[in-house]
């Protein structure tokens, strides 16, 4: 699925390129040796996203990034696999989608359009707890990845729920979300601005009649998972090219079957749990890098560095 170029935010704090680079280097200094151990997560582009999310406050951005390191060590997103027989964990599905999307973005692209399909959605899907955890993960561990969020044909009752969860969502993020309805002229105009209508599925007002083949997509995901797993075991530090089609810059999020190679229950939100850094398995040391080069590589060394320079 192809999307148009996203425009930068006009409300973002204005800094020159030199000033931005200085801020990035300041964050890297605060992180210390951790930055050298995690070159992807601590790249200029990545640090820049954390800085933008914290209005270029270096201390807050560094603390936010350190919390992401801890979260990845605990959540282990690289172990999440596609499994159509297991429909547990909407949060795991969310993280799985984000990991796939972020690792297959074009090098010059930071942000995505999230196209969320409400077909089949019912009141039973409402969960304030899940909404709160979703907001926490996306805002704190995938900062500045959202360009525009499209809620496609949500039932009217969802608008009330959206108002209810507004306190969990940062104002900057809240403003990026759009309610889009198939019978609305303004909605159609927005979709045409964001998407190549020849490639957009007809279910979303586009002209592509191929439709979504769940079985074919599931097979793609299983093959992609195998490639990633094989590369991790081979000791290579970079992720494999995705086998997903055309462009991964637009992610359609729908309920699906995702499992994780862990027996832990991710029922609590990240800000409600305290990571016991003493219990990180020393067997993680020396394992290959994940897609964000964090979750397993040199786990013990990273934890030691985090504990040395813990931010208040």
Protein backbone atom coordinates (compact mmCIF):
# COMPACT_ATOMS: atom_id res chain seq x y z
CA UNK A 1 0.00 0.00 0.00
CA UNK A 2 1.43 3.36 -1.00
CA UNK A 3 1.05 6.71 0.76
CA UNK A 4 1.87 10.28 -0.09
CA UNK A 5 4.72 12.17 1.55
CA UNK A 6 3.79 13.32 5.04
CA UNK A 7 4.21 16.97 5.88
CA UNK A 8 6.21 18.02 8.92
CA UNK A 9 4.42 19.50 11.91
CA UNK A 10 4.27 23.29 11.85
CA UNK A 11 3.99 23.36 15.64
CA UNK A 12 7.25 21.50 16.24
CA UNK A 13 9.96 23.46 18.02
CA UNK A 14 12.14 25.12 15.38
CA UNK A 15 15.85 24.32 15.64
CA UNK A 16 18.60 24.62 13.08
CA UNK A 17 20.29 21.47 11.82
CA UNK A 18 23.38 22.30 13.89
CA UNK A 19 21.28 22.82 17.03
CA UNK A 20 19.48 19.52 16.48
CA UNK A 21 22.77 17.68 16.06
CA UNK A 22 24.10 19.26 19.26
CA UNK A 23 21.00 18.06 21.14
CA UNK A 24 21.42 14.56 19.71
CA UNK A 25 25.04 14.45 20.85
CA UNK A 26 24.04 15.70 24.30
CA UNK A 27 21.58 12.80 24.65
CA UNK A 28 24.27 10.37 23.51
CA UNK A 29 26.62 11.75 26.20
CA UNK A 30 23.93 11.30 28.85
CA UNK A 31 23.41 7.70 27.76
CA UNK A 32 27.13 7.01 27.96
CA UNK A 33 28.40 3.54 26.94
CA UNK A 34 24.82 2.36 26.30
CA UNK A 35 24.76 4.44 23.12
CA UNK A 36 27.75 2.55 21.70
CA UNK A 37 26.25 -0.83 22.55
CA UNK A 38 22.94 -0.02 20.84
CA UNK A 39 23.83 1.73 17.56
CA UNK A 40 20.39 1.39 15.95
CA UNK A 41 18.29 2.55 18.88
CA UNK A 42 20.82 5.30 19.56
CA UNK A 43 21.25 6.44 15.97
CA UNK A 44 20.81 10.12 15.11
CA UNK A 45 17.40 9.43 13.56
CA UNK A 46 16.18 7.48 16.57
CA UNK A 47 17.43 9.96 19.18
CA UNK A 48 15.87 12.75 17.12
CA UNK A 49 12.44 11.10 17.44
CA UNK A 50 12.78 10.88 21.21
CA UNK A 51 13.88 14.51 21.34
CA UNK A 52 10.91 15.64 19.23
CA UNK A 53 8.59 13.67 21.49
CA UNK A 54 9.99 15.60 24.47
CA UNK A 55 10.17 18.99 22.76
CA UNK A 56 13.96 18.74 22.44
CA UNK A 57 14.56 18.41 26.18
CA UNK A 58 17.73 16.32 26.30
CA UNK A 59 17.34 14.95 29.83
CA UNK A 60 13.71 13.93 29.28
CA UNK A 61 14.55 12.36 25.91
CA UNK A 62 17.44 10.38 27.40
CA UNK A 63 15.24 9.12 30.23
CA UNK A 64 12.54 8.15 27.74
CA UNK A 65 15.06 6.25 25.60
CA UNK A 66 16.49 4.43 28.62
CA UNK A 67 12.98 3.35 29.59
CA UNK A 68 12.53 1.95 26.09
CA UNK A 69 15.73 -0.07 26.49
CA UNK A 70 14.37 -1.53 29.72
CA UNK A 71 11.00 -2.22 28.12
CA UNK A 72 12.57 -4.06 25.20
CA UNK A 73 14.70 -6.16 27.54
CA UNK A 74 11.54 -7.17 29.38
CA UNK A 75 8.92 -7.39 26.61
CA UNK A 76 11.28 -9.06 24.09
CA UNK A 77 9.40 -7.94 20.96
CA UNK A 78 11.81 -9.86 18.73
CA UNK A 79 10.34 -13.11 20.08
CA UNK A 80 6.81 -12.37 18.97
CA UNK A 81 5.77 -14.63 16.11
CA UNK A 82 2.80 -14.88 13.79
CA UNK A 83 0.56 -17.76 14.79
CA UNK A 84 -2.96 -17.86 13.39
CA UNK A 85 -4.05 -20.50 15.91
CA UNK A 86 -3.48 -18.17 18.85
CA UNK A 87 -5.57 -15.01 19.23
CA UNK A 88 -4.23 -13.98 22.64
CA UNK A 89 -2.83 -10.59 23.33
CA UNK A 90 -3.92 -7.59 21.29
CA UNK A 91 -0.93 -5.73 22.72
CA UNK A 92 1.43 -8.36 21.32
CA UNK A 93 -0.26 -8.01 17.95
CA UNK A 94 0.25 -4.25 18.12
CA UNK A 95 3.95 -4.61 18.94
CA UNK A 96 4.36 -7.24 16.22
CA UNK A 97 2.88 -4.84 13.64
CA UNK A 98 5.05 -1.96 14.84
CA UNK A 99 8.23 -4.04 14.73
CA UNK A 100 7.49 -5.17 11.18
CA UNK A 101 6.58 -1.66 10.06
CA UNK A 102 9.55 0.16 11.59
CA UNK A 103 12.11 -2.33 10.27
CA UNK A 104 10.82 -2.03 6.71
CA UNK A 105 10.40 1.73 6.40
CA UNK A 106 12.41 3.46 3.71
CA UNK A 107 15.67 4.84 5.19
CA UNK A 108 14.53 8.44 4.66
CA UNK A 109 11.13 7.89 6.25
CA UNK A 110 10.40 8.09 9.99
CA UNK A 111 6.63 8.20 10.17
CA UNK A 112 3.69 6.08 9.07
CA UNK A 113 0.00 6.32 8.39
CA UNK A 114 -1.96 3.93 10.59
CA UNK A 115 -5.11 2.81 8.82
CA UNK A 116 -7.34 1.12 11.39
CA UNK A 117 -10.24 -0.91 10.01
CA UNK A 118 -13.34 -1.08 12.21
CA UNK A 119 -15.09 -3.81 10.24
CA UNK A 120 -16.40 -6.33 12.75
CA UNK A 121 -15.83 -4.04 15.73
CA UNK A 122 -18.38 -4.34 18.54
CA UNK A 123 -18.90 -2.96 22.04
CA UNK A 124 -17.23 -6.08 23.41
CA UNK A 125 -13.96 -4.80 21.96
CA UNK A 126 -13.92 -1.84 24.35
CA UNK A 127 -11.23 -1.99 27.03
CA UNK A 128 -9.99 1.12 28.80
CA UNK A 129 -7.06 -0.87 30.21
CA UNK A 130 -5.99 -2.04 26.74
CA UNK A 131 -6.39 1.48 25.36
CA UNK A 132 -4.24 2.89 28.14
CA UNK A 133 -1.49 0.33 27.58
CA UNK A 134 -1.66 0.83 23.82
CA UNK A 135 -1.17 4.58 24.23
CA UNK A 136 1.68 4.01 26.68
CA UNK A 137 3.60 1.68 24.36
CA UNK A 138 3.12 3.71 21.19
CA UNK A 139 3.92 7.07 22.77
CA UNK A 140 6.82 6.00 24.96
CA UNK A 141 8.53 3.27 22.94
CA UNK A 142 7.71 4.20 19.34
CA UNK A 143 7.80 8.01 19.60
CA UNK A 144 7.16 10.18 16.56
CA UNK A 145 6.30 7.19 14.37
CA UNK A 146 2.73 8.34 13.79
CA UNK A 147 2.20 10.71 10.89
CA UNK A 148 -1.58 10.37 10.68
CA UNK A 149 -3.95 7.89 12.30
CA UNK A 150 -7.01 6.98 10.23
CA UNK A 151 -9.97 5.44 12.09
CA UNK A 152 -11.96 4.09 9.16
CA UNK A 153 -15.73 3.81 9.58
CA UNK A 154 -15.80 3.61 13.38
CA UNK A 155 -19.30 3.19 14.85
CA UNK A 156 -20.69 6.32 16.46
CA UNK A 157 -20.47 4.76 19.91
CA UNK A 158 -16.69 4.63 19.50
CA UNK A 159 -16.55 8.42 19.46
CA UNK A 160 -17.72 8.43 23.08
CA UNK A 161 -15.07 5.87 23.99
CA UNK A 162 -12.44 7.97 22.20
CA UNK A 163 -13.38 10.94 24.37
CA UNK A 164 -13.05 8.72 27.44
CA UNK A 165 -9.47 7.67 26.61
CA UNK A 166 -8.34 11.16 25.59
CA UNK A 167 -6.55 11.76 28.94
CA UNK A 168 -4.18 8.86 28.13
CA UNK A 169 -3.14 10.38 24.82
CA UNK A 170 -0.67 13.22 24.41
CA UNK A 171 -2.26 16.30 22.77
CA UNK A 172 0.23 16.18 19.88
CA UNK A 173 -0.75 12.58 19.15
CA UNK A 174 -4.47 13.18 19.63
CA UNK A 175 -4.43 15.86 16.94
CA UNK A 176 -3.00 13.42 14.40
CA UNK A 177 -6.00 11.07 14.57
CA UNK A 178 -8.79 11.43 12.01
CA UNK A 179 -12.25 9.87 11.93
CA UNK A 180 -12.90 8.85 8.32
CA UNK A 181 -16.23 7.69 6.92
CA UNK A 182 -16.74 6.09 3.51
CA UNK A 183 -19.74 8.32 2.73
CA UNK A 184 -18.10 11.62 3.65
CA UNK A 185 -16.73 13.95 0.92
CA UNK A 186 -14.13 15.42 3.27
CA UNK A 187 -13.07 11.93 4.30
CA UNK A 188 -12.64 10.95 0.65
CA UNK A 189 -10.52 14.04 0.05
CA UNK A 190 -8.26 13.18 2.99
CA UNK A 191 -7.78 9.61 1.74
CA UNK A 192 -6.85 10.91 -1.72
CA UNK A 193 -4.27 13.23 -0.17
CA UNK A 194 -2.66 10.42 1.82
CA UNK A 195 -2.92 7.38 -0.46
CA UNK A 196 -2.42 6.31 -4.03
CA UNK A 197 -6.03 5.40 -4.74
CA UNK A 198 -5.04 2.97 -7.52
CA UNK A 199 -3.23 0.89 -4.92
CA UNK A 200 -5.55 1.41 -1.96
CA UNK A 201 -7.95 -1.46 -1.31
CA UNK A 202 -11.52 -0.79 -2.41
CA UNK A 203 -12.65 -1.58 1.14
CA UNK A 204 -11.14 1.79 2.07
CA UNK A 205 -12.45 3.71 -0.93
CA UNK A 206 -9.57 2.89 -3.26
CA UNK A 207 -9.61 1.35 -6.71
CA UNK A 208 -7.66 -1.84 -5.97
CA UNK A 209 -10.15 -4.72 -6.12
CA UNK A 210 -7.64 -7.46 -5.30
CA UNK A 211 -8.88 -7.60 -1.71
CA UNK A 212 -7.14 -8.85 1.41
CA UNK A 213 -6.16 -12.52 1.46
CA UNK A 214 -5.66 -13.47 5.09
CA UNK A 215 -4.07 -16.84 4.33
CA UNK A 216 -1.58 -15.35 1.88
CA UNK A 217 -0.70 -12.60 4.36
CA UNK A 218 -0.29 -15.14 7.17
CA UNK A 219 2.09 -17.15 4.99
CA UNK A 220 4.09 -14.01 4.25
CA UNK A 221 4.38 -13.30 7.95
CA UNK A 222 5.46 -16.83 8.84
CA UNK A 223 8.14 -16.74 6.15
CA UNK A 224 9.28 -13.30 7.31
CA UNK A 225 9.46 -14.51 10.92
CA UNK A 226 11.60 -17.47 9.84
CA UNK A 227 14.00 -15.21 7.98
CA UNK A 228 14.37 -12.95 11.01
CA UNK A 229 14.83 -15.91 13.34
CA UNK A 230 17.46 -17.48 11.05
CA UNK A 231 19.34 -14.19 10.79
CA UNK A 232 19.31 -13.66 14.54
CA UNK A 233 20.69 -17.17 15.05
CA UNK A 234 23.36 -16.54 12.43
CA UNK A 235 24.74 -13.71 14.56
CA UNK A 236 24.06 -10.92 12.07
CA UNK A 237 23.03 -7.63 13.59
CA UNK A 238 20.72 -6.21 10.96
CA UNK A 239 17.18 -7.35 10.11
CA UNK A 240 16.38 -9.11 6.85
CA UNK A 241 14.61 -7.32 4.02
CA UNK A 242 10.87 -7.66 4.43
CA UNK A 243 8.95 -9.80 1.99
CA UNK A 244 5.94 -7.58 2.47
CA UNK A 245 4.56 -5.89 -0.62
CA UNK A 246 5.21 -2.43 -2.08
CA UNK A 247 5.50 -0.16 0.93
CA UNK A 248 5.33 -0.71 4.66
CA UNK A 249 4.71 2.96 5.34
CA UNK A 250 1.01 2.34 5.90
CA UNK A 251 0.04 -0.29 8.43
CA UNK A 252 -3.50 -1.68 8.55
CA UNK A 253 -4.21 -2.88 12.07
CA UNK A 254 -6.90 -5.51 12.45
CA UNK A 255 -7.44 -8.30 15.01
CA UNK A 256 -5.22 -11.24 14.18
CA UNK A 257 -3.40 -14.21 15.64
CA UNK A 258 -0.07 -13.43 17.23
CA UNK A 259 1.87 -15.48 19.74
CA UNK A 260 5.04 -14.87 21.68
CA UNK A 261 7.83 -17.23 22.68
CA UNK A 262 7.21 -16.64 26.36
CA UNK A 263 4.85 -17.79 29.07
CA UNK A 264 4.67 -14.39 30.69
CA UNK A 265 1.38 -12.52 30.80
CA UNK A 266 1.69 -8.94 29.56
CA UNK A 267 -1.42 -7.82 31.43
CA UNK A 268 0.06 -4.74 33.09
CA UNK A 269 0.99 -1.52 31.36
CA UNK A 270 4.63 -0.54 31.15
CA UNK A 271 4.32 2.30 33.65
CA UNK A 272 2.70 0.00 36.23
CA UNK A 273 5.51 -2.56 36.27
CA UNK A 274 9.03 -2.25 37.64
CA UNK A 275 11.69 -4.18 35.78
CA UNK A 276 13.83 -6.25 38.10
CA UNK A 277 17.21 -5.61 36.53
CA UNK A 278 18.89 -8.16 38.79
CA UNK A 279 16.90 -10.99 37.21
CA UNK A 280 17.96 -10.45 33.58
CA UNK A 281 19.09 -13.87 32.38
CA UNK A 282 22.84 -13.85 31.81
CA UNK A 283 22.29 -16.21 28.90
CA UNK A 284 21.14 -13.19 26.91
CA UNK A 285 24.68 -11.88 26.83
CA UNK A 286 26.30 -12.27 23.44
CA UNK A 287 23.15 -13.16 21.53
CA UNK A 288 22.56 -11.39 18.18
CA UNK A 289 20.79 -8.09 17.80
CA UNK A 290 17.05 -7.67 17.41
CA UNK A 291 15.46 -5.27 14.94
CA UNK A 292 16.15 -2.41 17.36
CA UNK A 293 19.41 -4.05 18.51
CA UNK A 294 18.19 -3.93 22.11
CA UNK A 295 16.13 -6.79 23.38
CA UNK A 296 18.72 -9.51 23.70
CA UNK A 297 22.17 -8.33 22.63
CA UNK A 298 24.62 -7.95 25.51
CA UNK A 299 21.67 -7.73 27.87
CA UNK A 300 23.66 -7.88 31.10
CA UNK A 301 26.17 -5.23 30.00
CA UNK A 302 23.39 -2.89 28.95
CA UNK A 303 21.59 -3.36 32.26
CA UNK A 304 24.79 -2.59 34.17
CA UNK A 305 25.26 0.65 32.25
CA UNK A 306 21.65 1.63 32.81
CA UNK A 307 21.98 1.07 36.54
CA UNK A 308 25.19 3.14 36.68
CA UNK A 309 23.64 6.19 35.06
CA UNK A 310 20.01 5.91 36.12
CA UNK A 311 18.17 9.18 35.51
CA UNK A 312 15.97 10.71 38.18
